[in-house]
PDB file of N, CA and C in Angstrom:
ATOM      1  N   MET A   1     -42.957 -60.617 -90.461  1.00  0.00           N
ATOM      2  CA  MET A   1     -42.620 -59.545 -88.803  1.00  0.00           C
ATOM      3  C   MET A   1     -42.701 -60.970 -87.766  1.00  0.00           C
ATOM      4  N   ASN A   2     -41.962 -60.454 -86.556  1.00  0.00           N
ATOM      5  CA  ASN A   2     -42.070 -61.508 -85.323  1.00  0.00           C
ATOM      6  C   ASN A   2     -43.444 -60.928 -84.761  1.00  0.00           C
ATOM      7  N   ILE A   3     -42.869 -61.403 -83.636  1.00  0.00           N
ATOM      8  CA  ILE A   3     -44.026 -61.063 -82.499  1.00  0.00           C
ATOM      9  C   ILE A   3     -43.891 -59.387 -81.764  1.00  0.00           C
ATOM     10  N   ILE A   4     -42.316 -59.607 -82.037  1.00  0.00           N
ATOM     11  CA  ILE A   4     -42.060 -58.196 -80.863  1.00  0.00           C
ATOM     12  C   ILE A   4     -42.183 -56.844 -81.874  1.00  0.00           C
ATOM     13  N   SER A   5     -41.770 -57.313 -83.084  1.00  0.00           N
ATOM     14  CA  SER A   5     -41.910 -56.260 -84.189  1.00  0.00           C
ATOM     15  C   SER A   5     -43.568 -55.477 -84.274  1.00  0.00           C
ATOM     16  N   GLU A   6     -44.049 -56.829 -84.258  1.00  0.00           N
ATOM     17  CA  GLU A   6     -45.706 -56.734 -84.456  1.00  0.00           C
ATOM     18  C   GLU A   6     -46.052 -55.583 -83.270  1.00  0.00           C
ATOM     19  N   PHE A   7     -45.773 -55.937 -81.937  1.00  0.00           N
ATOM     20  CA  PHE A   7     -46.344 -55.281 -81.043  1.00  0.00           C
ATOM     21  C   PHE A   7     -45.552 -53.898 -81.161  1.00  0.00           C
ATOM     22  N   LYS A   8     -44.012 -53.669 -81.393  1.00  0.00           N
ATOM     23  CA  LYS A   8     -44.088 -52.225 -81.456  1.00  0.00           C
ATOM     24  C   LYS A   8     -44.803 -51.713 -82.351  1.00  0.00           C
ATOM     25  N   ASN A   9     -44.740 -51.987 -83.409  1.00  0.00           N
ATOM     26  CA  ASN A   9     -45.945 -51.629 -84.378  1.00  0.00           C
ATOM     27  C   ASN A   9     -47.197 -50.710 -84.120  1.00  0.00           C
ATOM     28  N   GLU A  10     -47.833 -51.851 -83.092  1.00  0.00           N
ATOM     29  CA  GLU A  10     -49.204 -51.079 -82.726  1.00  0.00           C
ATOM     30  C   GLU A  10     -49.131 -50.375 -81.876  1.00  0.00           C
ATOM     31  N   ARG A  11     -48.262 -50.781 -81.064  1.00  0.00           N
ATOM     32  CA  ARG A  11     -47.718 -49.430 -79.826  1.00  0.00           C
ATOM     33  C   ARG A  11     -47.919 -48.085 -80.167  1.00  0.00           C
ATOM     34  N   ASN A  12     -46.906 -48.404 -81.669  1.00  0.00           N
ATOM     35  CA  ASN A  12     -46.789 -47.001 -82.448  1.00  0.00           C
ATOM     36  C   ASN A  12     -47.669 -46.958 -83.388  1.00  0.00           C
ATOM     37  N   GLY A  13     -49.153 -47.038 -82.931  1.00  0.00           N
ATOM     38  CA  GLY A  13     -50.428 -46.459 -83.763  1.00  0.00           C
ATOM     39  C   GLY A  13     -50.144 -47.230 -85.298  1.00  0.00           C
ATOM     40  N   PHE A  14     -49.277 -47.965 -85.588  1.00  0.00           N
ATOM     41  CA  PHE A  14     -49.132 -48.487 -87.118  1.00  0.00           C
ATOM     42  C   PHE A  14     -49.788 -49.693 -86.945  1.00  0.00           C
ATOM     43  N   ASN A  15     -51.349 -49.941 -87.897  1.00  0.00           N
ATOM     44  CA  ASN A  15     -52.090 -50.862 -88.139  1.00  0.00           C
ATOM     45  C   ASN A  15     -51.712 -51.753 -89.208  1.00  0.00           C
ATOM     46  N   SER A  16     -51.520 -53.009 -88.976  1.00  0.00           N
ATOM     47  CA  SER A  16     -50.666 -54.203 -90.146  1.00  0.00           C
ATOM     48  C   SER A  16     -52.160 -54.034 -90.760  1.00  0.00           C
ATOM     49  N   MET A  17     -51.746 -54.680 -92.270  1.00  0.00           N
ATOM     50  CA  MET A  17     -52.904 -55.168 -92.844  1.00  0.00           C
ATOM     51  C   MET A  17     -53.443 -56.191 -92.387  1.00  0.00           C
ATOM     52  N   ILE A  18     -54.566 -56.403 -92.643  1.00  0.00           N
ATOM     53  CA  ILE A  18     -55.584 -57.611 -92.114  1.00  0.00           C
ATOM     54  C   ILE A  18     -56.023 -58.560 -93.361  1.00  0.00           C
ATOM     55  N   LYS A  19     -56.044 -59.537 -93.730  1.00  0.00           N
ATOM     56  CA  LYS A  19     -56.966 -59.350 -94.790  1.00  0.00           C
ATOM     57  C   LYS A  19     -57.974 -60.635 -94.153  1.00  0.00           C
ATOM     58  N   VAL A  20     -59.124 -60.505 -94.884  1.00  0.00           N
ATOM     59  CA  VAL A  20     -60.570 -60.863 -93.653  1.00  0.00           C
ATOM     60  C   VAL A  20     -60.866 -61.366 -95.162  1.00  0.00           C
ATOM     61  N   TYR A  21     -61.298 -62.698 -94.930  1.00  0.00           N
ATOM     62  CA  TYR A  21     -61.798 -63.826 -95.922  1.00  0.00           C
ATOM     63  C   TYR A  21     -63.126 -63.694 -95.553  1.00  0.00           C
ATOM     64  N   GLY A  22     -64.289 -63.455 -96.304  1.00  0.00           N
ATOM     65  CA  GLY A  22     -65.808 -63.679 -96.144  1.00  0.00           C
ATOM     66  C   GLY A  22     -66.487 -63.068 -97.520  1.00  0.00           C
ATOM     67  N   SER A  23     -68.097 -62.893 -96.804  1.00  0.00           N
ATOM     68  CA  SER A  23     -68.486 -62.658 -98.036  1.00  0.00           C
ATOM     69  C   SER A  23     -69.300 -61.290 -98.360  1.00  0.00           C
ATOM     70  N   LYS A  24     -69.753 -60.544 -99.046  1.00  0.00           N
ATOM     71  CA  LYS A  24     -70.409 -59.111 -99.030  1.00  0.00           C
ATOM     72  C   LYS A  24     -72.298 -59.639 -98.845  1.00  0.00           C
ATOM     73  N   GLU A  25     -72.379 -61.322 -98.637  1.00  0.00           N
ATOM     74  CA  GLU A  25     -73.622 -61.627 -98.683  1.00  0.00           C
ATOM     75  C   GLU A  25     -73.395 -62.731 -96.891  1.00  0.00           C
ATOM     76  N   CYS A  26     -72.846 -62.293 -95.955  1.00  0.00           N
ATOM     77  CA  CYS A  26     -72.270 -62.485 -94.936  1.00  0.00           C
ATOM     78  C   CYS A  26     -72.669 -61.617 -93.664  1.00  0.00           C
ATOM     79  N   PRO A  27     -73.890 -61.592 -92.839  1.00  0.00           N
ATOM     80  CA  PRO A  27     -73.713 -60.647 -91.867  1.00  0.00           C
ATOM     81  C   PRO A  27     -72.867 -60.428 -90.899  1.00  0.00           C
ATOM     82  N   ASP A  28     -71.943 -61.860 -90.611  1.00  0.00           N
ATOM     83  CA  ASP A  28     -70.879 -61.011 -89.687  1.00  0.00           C
ATOM     84  C   ASP A  28     -70.085 -60.554 -90.526  1.00  0.00           C
ATOM     85  N   CYS A  29     -69.746 -60.963 -91.868  1.00  0.00           N
ATOM     86  CA  CYS A  29     -68.584 -60.431 -92.407  1.00  0.00           C
ATOM     87  C   CYS A  29     -68.931 -58.765 -92.928  1.00  0.00           C
ATOM     88  N   ILE A  30     -70.128 -58.586 -92.874  1.00  0.00           N
ATOM     89  CA  ILE A  30     -70.504 -57.027 -93.352  1.00  0.00           C
ATOM     90  C   ILE A  30     -70.442 -56.221 -91.584  1.00  0.00           C
ATOM     91  N   ALA A  31     -70.510 -56.893 -90.975  1.00  0.00           N
ATOM     92  CA  ALA A  31     -70.623 -56.260 -89.199  1.00  0.00           C
ATOM     93  C   ALA A  31     -69.059 -55.835 -89.205  1.00  0.00           C
ATOM     94  N   CYS A  32     -68.292 -56.857 -89.452  1.00  0.00           N
ATOM     95  CA  CYS A  32     -66.601 -56.632 -89.725  1.00  0.00           C
ATOM     96  C   CYS A  32     -66.233 -55.682 -90.373  1.00  0.00           C
ATOM     97  N   GLU A  33     -66.593 -55.723 -91.467  1.00  0.00           N
ATOM     98  CA  GLU A  33     -66.285 -55.024 -92.135  1.00  0.00           C
ATOM     99  C   GLU A  33     -66.605 -53.445 -92.147  1.00  0.00           C
ATOM    100  N   TYR A  34     -67.656 -53.010 -91.616  1.00  0.00           N
ATOM    101  CA  TYR A  34     -68.348 -51.906 -91.299  1.00  0.00           C
ATOM    102  C   TYR A  34     -67.178 -51.355 -89.682  1.00  0.00           C
ATOM    103  N   ASN A  35     -67.197 -52.471 -88.741  1.00  0.00           N
ATOM    104  CA  ASN A  35     -66.122 -51.998 -87.919  1.00  0.00           C
ATOM    105  C   ASN A  35     -64.822 -51.487 -87.921  1.00  0.00           C
ATOM    106  N   PHE A  36     -64.353 -52.251 -89.048  1.00  0.00           N
ATOM    107  CA  PHE A  36     -63.121 -52.157 -89.295  1.00  0.00           C
ATOM    108  C   PHE A  36     -62.839 -50.792 -90.170  1.00  0.00           C
ATOM    109  N   GLU A  37     -64.136 -50.093 -90.766  1.00  0.00           N
ATOM    110  CA  GLU A  37     -63.966 -49.285 -91.689  1.00  0.00           C
ATOM    111  C   GLU A  37     -63.912 -48.247 -90.694  1.00  0.00           C
ATOM    112  N   LYS A  38     -65.092 -48.134 -89.527  1.00  0.00           N
ATOM    113  CA  LYS A  38     -65.582 -47.365 -88.707  1.00  0.00           C
ATOM    114  C   LYS A  38     -64.365 -46.852 -87.541  1.00  0.00           C
ATOM    115  N   TYR A  39     -63.112 -47.422 -87.361  1.00  0.00           N
ATOM    116  CA  TYR A  39     -62.004 -47.296 -86.171  1.00  0.00           C
ATOM    117  C   TYR A  39     -60.504 -47.552 -87.084  1.00  0.00           C
ATOM    118  N   GLY A  40     -61.121 -47.412 -88.443  1.00  0.00           N
ATOM    119  CA  GLY A  40     -59.778 -47.033 -89.416  1.00  0.00           C
ATOM    120  C   GLY A  40     -58.676 -48.473 -89.270  1.00  0.00           C
ATOM    121  N   ILE A  41     -59.146 -49.432 -89.178  1.00  0.00           N
ATOM    122  CA  ILE A  41     -58.173 -50.721 -88.926  1.00  0.00           C
ATOM    123  C   ILE A  41     -58.157 -51.227 -90.490  1.00  0.00           C
ATOM    124  N   GLU A  42     -57.010 -51.309 -91.312  1.00  0.00           N
ATOM    125  CA  GLU A  42     -56.370 -51.565 -92.110  1.00  0.00           C
ATOM    126  C   GLU A  42     -56.924 -53.059 -92.655  1.00  0.00           C
ATOM    127  N   TYR A  43     -57.738 -53.268 -93.648  1.00  0.00           N
ATOM    128  CA  TYR A  43     -57.910 -54.370 -94.142  1.00  0.00           C
ATOM    129  C   TYR A  43     -58.133 -54.704 -95.850  1.00  0.00           C
ATOM    130  N   GLU A  44     -57.994 -55.785 -95.742  1.00  0.00           N
ATOM    131  CA  GLU A  44     -58.473 -55.966 -97.554  1.00  0.00           C
ATOM    132  C   GLU A  44     -59.551 -57.259 -97.501  1.00  0.00           C
ATOM    133  N   LEU A  45     -60.514 -56.986 -97.894  1.00  0.00           N
ATOM    134  CA  LEU A  45     -61.457 -58.077 -97.956  1.00  0.00           C
ATOM    135  C   LEU A  45     -61.658 -59.040 -98.942  1.00  0.00           C
ATOM    136  N   LEU A  46     -61.046 -60.257 -99.206  1.00  0.00           N
ATOM    137  CA  LEU A  46     -60.960 -61.430 -99.678  1.00  0.00           C
ATOM    138  C   LEU A  46     -62.127 -62.245-100.039  1.00  0.00           C
ATOM    139  N   GLU A  47     -62.920 -61.599-101.110  1.00  0.00           N
ATOM    140  CA  GLU A  47     -64.700 -62.442-101.014  1.00  0.00           C
ATOM    141  C   GLU A  47     -64.211 -63.989-101.475  1.00  0.00           C
ATOM    142  N   ILE A  48     -64.995 -64.534-100.732  1.00  0.00           N
ATOM    143  CA  ILE A  48     -64.713 -66.298-100.909  1.00  0.00           C
ATOM    144  C   ILE A  48     -65.771 -66.723-102.246  1.00  0.00           C
ATOM    145  N   SER A  49     -66.268 -65.919-102.549  1.00  0.00           N
ATOM    146  CA  SER A  49     -66.893 -66.187-103.981  1.00  0.00           C
ATOM    147  C   SER A  49     -65.703 -66.131-105.007  1.00  0.00           C
ATOM    148  N   ASN A  50     -64.840 -65.382-104.872  1.00  0.00           N
ATOM    149  CA  ASN A  50     -64.072 -65.827-105.889  1.00  0.00           C
ATOM    150  C   ASN A  50     -62.878 -67.185-105.742  1.00  0.00           C
ATOM    151  N   LEU A  51     -62.658 -68.016-106.832  1.00  0.00           N
ATOM    152  CA  LEU A  51     -62.652 -69.500-106.153  1.00  0.00           C
ATOM    153  C   LEU A  51     -60.833 -69.097-105.797  1.00  0.00           C
ATOM    154  N   GLY A  52     -60.151 -68.187-106.508  1.00  0.00           N
ATOM    155  CA  GLY A  52     -58.724 -68.333-105.756  1.00  0.00           C
ATOM    156  C   GLY A  52     -58.684 -67.824-104.253  1.00  0.00           C
ATOM    157  N   ASN A  53     -59.430 -66.984-103.819  1.00  0.00           N
ATOM    158  CA  ASN A  53     -59.776 -66.573-102.752  1.00  0.00           C
ATOM    159  C   ASN A  53     -60.171 -67.792-101.784  1.00  0.00           C
ATOM    160  N   LEU A  54     -61.658 -68.655-102.267  1.00  0.00           N
ATOM    161  CA  LEU A  54     -62.111 -69.794-101.805  1.00  0.00           C
ATOM    162  C   LEU A  54     -60.895 -70.843-101.334  1.00  0.00           C
ATOM    163  N   LYS A  55     -60.120 -71.177-102.574  1.00  0.00           N
ATOM    164  CA  LYS A  55     -58.978 -71.980-101.784  1.00  0.00           C
ATOM    165  C   LYS A  55     -58.347 -71.317-101.305  1.00  0.00           C
ATOM    166  N   SER A  56     -57.431 -70.327-101.200  1.00  0.00           N
ATOM    167  CA  SER A  56     -57.089 -70.059 -99.983  1.00  0.00           C
ATOM    168  C   SER A  56     -57.444 -70.031 -98.444  1.00  0.00           C
ATOM    169  N   PHE A  57     -58.592 -69.966 -98.336  1.00  0.00           N
ATOM    170  CA  PHE A  57     -59.615 -69.677 -97.342  1.00  0.00           C
ATOM    171  C   PHE A  57     -59.418 -70.996 -96.802  1.00  0.00           C
ATOM    172  N   LEU A  58     -60.034 -71.833 -97.768  1.00  0.00           N
ATOM    173  CA  LEU A  58     -60.086 -73.561 -97.302  1.00  0.00           C
ATOM    174  C   LEU A  58     -58.645 -74.301 -97.099  1.00  0.00           C
ATOM    175  N   ARG A  59     -57.524 -73.227 -97.123  1.00  0.00           N
ATOM    176  CA  ARG A  59     -56.387 -73.955 -97.101  1.00  0.00           C
ATOM    177  C   ARG A  59     -56.125 -73.408 -95.569  1.00  0.00           C
ATOM    178  N   TYR A  60     -56.585 -72.404 -95.214  1.00  0.00           N
ATOM    179  CA  TYR A  60     -56.643 -71.533 -93.434  1.00  0.00           C
ATOM    180  C   TYR A  60     -57.700 -72.741 -92.805  1.00  0.00           C
ATOM    181  N   ARG A  61     -58.499 -72.673 -93.052  1.00  0.00           N
ATOM    182  CA  ARG A  61     -60.213 -73.580 -92.695  1.00  0.00           C
ATOM    183  C   ARG A  61     -59.482 -75.045 -92.361  1.00  0.00           C
ATOM    184  N   ASP A  62     -58.768 -75.781 -93.258  1.00  0.00           N
ATOM    185  CA  ASP A  62     -58.555 -77.006 -92.746  1.00  0.00           C
ATOM    186  C   ASP A  62     -57.615 -77.096 -92.015  1.00  0.00           C
ATOM    187  N   ASN A  63     -56.869 -76.612 -91.818  1.00  0.00           N
ATOM    188  CA  ASN A  63     -54.902 -76.744 -91.142  1.00  0.00           C
ATOM    189  C   ASN A  63     -55.082 -75.730 -90.165  1.00  0.00           C
ATOM    190  N   ASP A  64     -55.422 -74.725 -90.250  1.00  0.00           N
ATOM    191  CA  ASP A  64     -55.013 -73.929 -89.029  1.00  0.00           C
ATOM    192  C   ASP A  64     -55.794 -74.447 -87.573  1.00  0.00           C
ATOM    193  N   PRO A  65     -55.669 -74.275 -86.596  1.00  0.00           N
ATOM    194  CA  PRO A  65     -55.912 -74.494 -85.167  1.00  0.00           C
ATOM    195  C   PRO A  65     -56.882 -73.409 -85.098  1.00  0.00           C
ATOM    196  N   ALA A  66     -57.041 -72.173 -85.221  1.00  0.00           N
ATOM    197  CA  ALA A  66     -58.160 -71.456 -85.029  1.00  0.00           C
ATOM    198  C   ALA A  66     -59.352 -71.925 -85.336  1.00  0.00           C
ATOM    199  N   PHE A  67     -59.303 -72.402 -86.079  1.00  0.00           N
ATOM    200  CA  PHE A  67     -60.695 -73.511 -87.083  1.00  0.00           C
ATOM    201  C   PHE A  67     -61.435 -74.734 -86.835  1.00  0.00           C
ATOM    202  N   ASP A  68     -60.758 -74.987 -85.315  1.00  0.00           N
ATOM    203  CA  ASP A  68     -60.834 -76.370 -84.775  1.00  0.00           C
ATOM    204  C   ASP A  68     -61.964 -76.296 -84.372  1.00  0.00           C
ATOM    205  N   PHE A  69     -62.954 -75.229 -83.360  1.00  0.00           N
ATOM    206  CA  PHE A  69     -64.163 -75.397 -83.446  1.00  0.00           C
ATOM    207  C   PHE A  69     -65.105 -75.260 -84.472  1.00  0.00           C
ATOM    208  N   ILE A  70     -64.586 -74.633 -85.413  1.00  0.00           N
ATOM    209  CA  ILE A  70     -65.515 -74.718 -86.838  1.00  0.00           C
ATOM    210  C   ILE A  70     -65.672 -75.764 -87.541  1.00  0.00           C
ATOM    211  N   ARG A  71     -64.592 -76.576 -87.899  1.00  0.00           N
ATOM    212  CA  ARG A  71     -64.934 -77.885 -88.534  1.00  0.00           C
ATOM    213  C   ARG A  71     -66.132 -78.608 -88.005  1.00  0.00           C
ATOM    214  N   GLY A  72     -66.879 -78.999 -88.550  1.00  0.00           N
ATOM    215  CA  GLY A  72     -68.046 -79.899 -88.429  1.00  0.00           C
ATOM    216  C   GLY A  72     -69.274 -79.639 -88.018  1.00  0.00           C
ATOM    217  N   SER A  73     -69.258 -77.969 -87.484  1.00  0.00           N
ATOM    218  CA  SER A  73     -70.486 -77.184 -86.812  1.00  0.00           C
ATOM    219  C   SER A  73     -71.690 -77.151 -87.621  1.00  0.00           C
ATOM    220  N   GLY A  74     -71.267 -76.788 -89.188  1.00  0.00           N
ATOM    221  CA  GLY A  74     -72.379 -76.366 -89.735  1.00  0.00           C
ATOM    222  C   GLY A  74     -71.882 -74.601 -90.111  1.00  0.00           C
ATOM    223  N   SER A  75     -70.924 -74.133 -89.749  1.00  0.00           N
ATOM    224  CA  SER A  75     -70.300 -72.839 -89.767  1.00  0.00           C
ATOM    225  C   SER A  75     -69.497 -72.551 -90.501  1.00  0.00           C
ATOM    226  N   ILE A  76     -69.093 -71.896 -91.388  1.00  0.00           N
ATOM    227  CA  ILE A  76     -68.552 -71.624 -92.527  1.00  0.00           C
ATOM    228  C   ILE A  76     -66.651 -71.355 -91.724  1.00  0.00           C
ATOM    229  N   GLY A  77     -66.724 -70.217 -91.090  1.00  0.00           N
ATOM    230  CA  GLY A  77     -65.603 -69.874 -90.359  1.00  0.00           C
ATOM    231  C   GLY A  77     -65.300 -68.336 -90.887  1.00  0.00           C
ATOM    232  N   ILE A  78     -66.415 -67.871 -91.189  1.00  0.00           N
ATOM    233  CA  ILE A  78     -66.154 -66.277 -91.957  1.00  0.00           C
ATOM    234  C   ILE A  78     -66.956 -65.198 -91.111  1.00  0.00           C
ATOM    235  N   PRO A  79     -66.286 -64.379 -90.882  1.00  0.00           N
ATOM    236  CA  PRO A  79     -65.196 -63.702 -91.134  1.00  0.00           C
ATOM    237  C   PRO A  79     -63.688 -64.082 -90.624  1.00  0.00           C
ATOM    238  N   ALA A  80     -62.909 -64.386 -91.490  1.00  0.00           N
ATOM    239  CA  ALA A  80     -61.666 -64.828 -91.167  1.00  0.00           C
ATOM    240  C   ALA A  80     -60.394 -63.879 -91.088  1.00  0.00           C
ATOM    241  N   CYS A  81     -60.009 -63.699 -90.302  1.00  0.00           N
ATOM    242  CA  CYS A  81     -58.560 -62.336 -90.371  1.00  0.00           C
ATOM    243  C   CYS A  81     -57.438 -63.205 -90.370  1.00  0.00           C
ATOM    244  N   VAL A  82     -56.854 -62.525 -91.216  1.00  0.00           N
ATOM    245  CA  VAL A  82     -55.171 -63.332 -91.261  1.00  0.00           C
ATOM    246  C   VAL A  82     -54.616 -62.214 -90.698  1.00  0.00           C
ATOM    247  N   LYS A  83     -53.595 -61.918 -89.802  1.00  0.00           N
ATOM    248  CA  LYS A  83     -52.588 -60.641 -89.909  1.00  0.00           C
ATOM    249  C   LYS A  83     -51.363 -61.178 -90.704  1.00  0.00           C
ATOM    250  N   GLU A  84     -50.702 -60.159 -91.132  1.00  0.00           N
ATOM    251  CA  GLU A  84     -49.211 -60.170 -91.811  1.00  0.00           C
ATOM    252  C   GLU A  84     -48.427 -60.839 -91.587  1.00  0.00           C
ATOM    253  N   ASN A  85     -48.576 -61.323 -90.131  1.00  0.00           N
ATOM    254  CA  ASN A  85     -47.238 -62.444 -89.692  1.00  0.00           C
ATOM    255  C   ASN A  85     -48.189 -63.846 -89.707  1.00  0.00           C
ATOM    256  N   GLY A  86     -49.312 -64.113 -90.311  1.00  0.00           N
ATOM    257  CA  GLY A  86     -49.599 -65.243 -90.700  1.00  0.00           C
ATOM    258  C   GLY A  86     -50.968 -65.709 -89.489  1.00  0.00           C
ATOM    259  N   MET A  87     -51.098 -65.090 -88.418  1.00  0.00           N
ATOM    260  CA  MET A  87     -51.786 -65.659 -87.161  1.00  0.00           C
ATOM    261  C   MET A  87     -52.928 -64.990 -87.798  1.00  0.00           C
ATOM    262  N   VAL A  88     -54.129 -66.430 -87.331  1.00  0.00           N
ATOM    263  CA  VAL A  88     -55.462 -66.012 -87.889  1.00  0.00           C
ATOM    264  C   VAL A  88     -56.323 -66.203 -86.865  1.00  0.00           C
ATOM    265  N   PHE A  89     -57.185 -65.092 -86.711  1.00  0.00           N
ATOM    266  CA  PHE A  89     -58.382 -64.778 -85.429  1.00  0.00           C
ATOM    267  C   PHE A  89     -59.560 -64.745 -86.421  1.00  0.00           C
ATOM    268  N   LEU A  90     -60.638 -65.711 -85.648  1.00  0.00           N
ATOM    269  CA  LEU A  90     -62.002 -65.198 -85.848  1.00  0.00           C
ATOM    270  C   LEU A  90     -62.970 -64.145 -84.888  1.00  0.00           C
ATOM    271  N   ASP A  91     -62.204 -63.929 -84.120  1.00  0.00           N
ATOM    272  CA  ASP A  91     -63.862 -63.228 -82.835  1.00  0.00           C
ATOM    273  C   ASP A  91     -63.037 -61.983 -83.132  1.00  0.00           C
ATOM    274  N   TRP A  92     -63.576 -61.084 -84.502  1.00  0.00           N
ATOM    275  CA  TRP A  92     -62.815 -59.655 -84.691  1.00  0.00           C
ATOM    276  C   TRP A  92     -63.305 -58.766 -83.593  1.00  0.00           C
ATOM    277  N   LYS A  93     -64.290 -58.833 -82.964  1.00  0.00           N
ATOM    278  CA  LYS A  93     -65.142 -58.375 -81.816  1.00  0.00           C
ATOM    279  C   LYS A  93     -64.222 -58.278 -81.254  1.00  0.00           C
ATOM    280  N   GLN A  94     -63.482 -59.318 -80.427  1.00  0.00           N
ATOM    281  CA  GLN A  94     -62.131 -59.097 -79.237  1.00  0.00           C
ATOM    282  C   GLN A  94     -61.145 -58.484 -79.862  1.00  0.00           C
ATOM    283  N   TYR A  95     -60.807 -58.490 -81.140  1.00  0.00           N
ATOM    284  CA  TYR A  95     -59.634 -57.902 -81.600  1.00  0.00           C
ATOM    285  C   TYR A  95     -60.000 -56.309 -81.302  1.00  0.00           C
ATOM    286  N   LEU A  96     -61.002 -55.838 -81.482  1.00  0.00           N
ATOM    287  CA  LEU A  96     -61.200 -54.867 -81.604  1.00  0.00           C
ATOM    288  C   LEU A  96     -61.566 -54.310 -80.039  1.00  0.00           C
ATOM    289  N   ARG A  97     -61.817 -54.683 -79.141  1.00  0.00           N
ATOM    290  CA  ARG A  97     -61.629 -54.636 -77.641  1.00  0.00           C
ATOM    291  C   ARG A  97     -60.510 -54.396 -77.324  1.00  0.00           C
ATOM    292  N   ASN A  98     -59.779 -55.252 -77.521  1.00  0.00           N
ATOM    293  CA  ASN A  98     -58.167 -55.477 -77.060  1.00  0.00           C
ATOM    294  C   ASN A  98     -57.541 -54.042 -77.821  1.00  0.00           C
ATOM    295  N   LYS A  99     -57.867 -53.603 -78.765  1.00  0.00           N
ATOM    296  CA  LYS A  99     -57.375 -52.472 -79.024  1.00  0.00           C
ATOM    297  C   LYS A  99     -58.153 -51.325 -78.588  1.00  0.00           C
ATOM    298  N   GLY A 100     -58.890 -51.315 -77.733  1.00  0.00           N
ATOM    299  CA  GLY A 100     -59.544 -50.193 -77.054  1.00  0.00           C
ATOM    300  C   GLY A 100     -60.903 -49.539 -77.583  1.00  0.00           C
ATOM    301  N   TYR A 101     -61.404 -50.470 -78.677  1.00  0.00           N
ATOM    302  CA  TYR A 101     -62.855 -49.932 -79.634  1.00  0.00           C
ATOM    303  C   TYR A 101     -63.609 -51.069 -79.162  1.00  0.00           C
ATOM    304  N   GLU A 102     -65.133 -50.724 -78.870  1.00  0.00           N
ATOM    305  CA  GLU A 102     -66.217 -50.820 -78.469  1.00  0.00           C
ATOM    306  C   GLU A 102     -66.928 -51.454 -80.085  1.00  0.00           C
ATOM    307  N   PRO A 103     -67.087 -52.743 -80.571  1.00  0.00           N
ATOM    308  CA  PRO A 103     -67.493 -52.823 -81.649  1.00  0.00           C
ATOM    309  C   PRO A 103     -69.124 -52.531 -81.775  1.00  0.00           C
ATOM    310  N   TYR A 104     -69.486 -52.016 -82.849  1.00  0.00           N
ATOM    311  CA  TYR A 104     -70.772 -51.765 -83.186  1.00  0.00           C
ATOM    312  C   TYR A 104     -71.508 -52.343 -83.847  1.00  0.00           C
ATOM    313  N   ASN A 105     -72.321 -53.013 -83.353  1.00  0.00           N
ATOM    314  CA  ASN A 105     -73.844 -54.003 -83.732  1.00  0.00           C
ATOM    315  C   ASN A 105     -74.651 -53.138 -84.588  1.00  0.00           C
ATOM    316  N   VAL A 106     -74.009 -54.069 -86.255  1.00  0.00           N
ATOM    317  CA  VAL A 106     -74.867 -53.248 -86.797  1.00  0.00           C
ATOM    318  C   VAL A 106     -76.110 -54.884 -87.213  1.00  0.00           C
ATOM    319  N   ARG A 107     -77.310 -53.972 -87.539  1.00  0.00           N
ATOM    320  CA  ARG A 107     -78.214 -55.079 -87.491  1.00  0.00           C
ATOM    321  C   ARG A 107     -78.832 -55.137 -89.022  1.00  0.00           C
ATOM    322  N   LEU A 108     -78.929 -56.389 -89.815  1.00  0.00           N
ATOM    323  CA  LEU A 108     -79.397 -56.604 -90.991  1.00  0.00           C
ATOM    324  C   LEU A 108     -80.288 -57.676 -91.130  1.00  0.00           C
ATOM    325  N   GLY A 109     -81.081 -57.827 -91.794  1.00  0.00           N
ATOM    326  CA  GLY A 109     -82.306 -58.657 -92.261  1.00  0.00           C
ATOM    327  C   GLY A 109     -81.808 -60.083 -91.737  1.00  0.00           C
ATOM    328  N   SER A 110     -80.681 -60.652 -92.150  1.00  0.00           N
ATOM    329  CA  SER A 110     -80.421 -61.932 -92.204  1.00  0.00           C
ATOM    330  C   SER A 110     -79.618 -62.195 -90.916  1.00  0.00           C
ATOM    331  N   ASN A 111     -79.902 -63.151 -89.877  1.00  0.00           N
ATOM    332  CA  ASN A 111     -79.102 -63.455 -88.414  1.00  0.00           C
ATOM    333  C   ASN A 111     -78.057 -64.095 -88.919  1.00  0.00           C
ATOM    334  N   SER A 112     -77.657 -65.001 -89.768  1.00  0.00           N
ATOM    335  CA  SER A 112     -77.200 -66.055 -90.021  1.00  0.00           C
ATOM    336  C   SER A 112     -76.847 -66.512 -91.507  1.00  0.00           C
ATOM    337  N   CYS A 113     -75.266 -67.192 -91.767  1.00  0.00           N
ATOM    338  CA  CYS A 113     -75.490 -68.014 -92.885  1.00  0.00           C
ATOM    339  C   CYS A 113     -75.195 -69.221 -92.634  1.00  0.00           C
ATOM    340  N   SER A 114     -75.375 -70.161 -91.493  1.00  0.00           N
ATOM    341  CA  SER A 114     -74.417 -71.253 -91.212  1.00  0.00           C
ATOM    342  C   SER A 114     -75.893 -71.889 -91.316  1.00  0.00           C
ATOM    343  N   MET A 115     -75.602 -73.396 -91.318  1.00  0.00           N
ATOM    344  CA  MET A 115     -76.542 -74.262 -91.431  1.00  0.00           C
ATOM    345  C   MET A 115     -77.779 -74.354 -90.114  1.00  0.00           C
ATOM    346  N   ASP A 116     -77.188 -73.949 -89.059  1.00  0.00           N
ATOM    347  CA  ASP A 116     -78.216 -74.191 -88.162  1.00  0.00           C
ATOM    348  C   ASP A 116     -78.039 -73.059 -87.269  1.00  0.00           C
ATOM    349  N   GLY A 117     -78.106 -71.768 -88.484  1.00  0.00           N
ATOM    350  CA  GLY A 117     -78.546 -70.730 -87.860  1.00  0.00           C
ATOM    351  C   GLY A 117     -78.024 -69.769 -86.449  1.00  0.00           C
ATOM    352  N   ASN A 118     -76.763 -70.135 -86.198  1.00  0.00           N
ATOM    353  CA  ASN A 118     -76.034 -69.240 -85.351  1.00  0.00           C
ATOM    354  C   ASN A 118     -74.805 -69.225 -86.467  1.00  0.00           C
ATOM    355  N   ASN A 119     -74.351 -67.725 -86.161  1.00  0.00           N
ATOM    356  CA  ASN A 119     -73.030 -67.451 -86.735  1.00  0.00           C
ATOM    357  C   ASN A 119     -72.703 -67.289 -88.246  1.00  0.00           C
ATOM    358  N   CYS A 120     -71.645 -67.482 -88.391  1.00  0.00           N
ATOM    359  CA  CYS A 120     -71.361 -67.793 -90.314  1.00  0.00           C
ATOM    360  C   CYS A 120     -69.853 -68.340 -90.056  1.00  0.00           C
TER     361      CYS A 120
END
């Protein structure tokens, strides 16, 4: 799918399927999943505890420019969202805002899954 057809699909209300690499143990991933469900965003959660999904995620994390600021930061880089056209984005809240939705804050016991205690 190219940018023009993706724009036309989004303008016509068609949400293309988003692959979300994440973990059910990650508070950011849980919040992302909750919000995508709440707003009817079509997605598939690819649990990185599965080795096949982890390998696929690491290919993106090691090579995609979207992860440039993540590498070496102590963060995992999840949830990582991949559109059908291969575009990777990490800021799922901004993605929702761009669609006209306000992200709902999900409060959980754990604040973070990164080594430094900020984000995942």
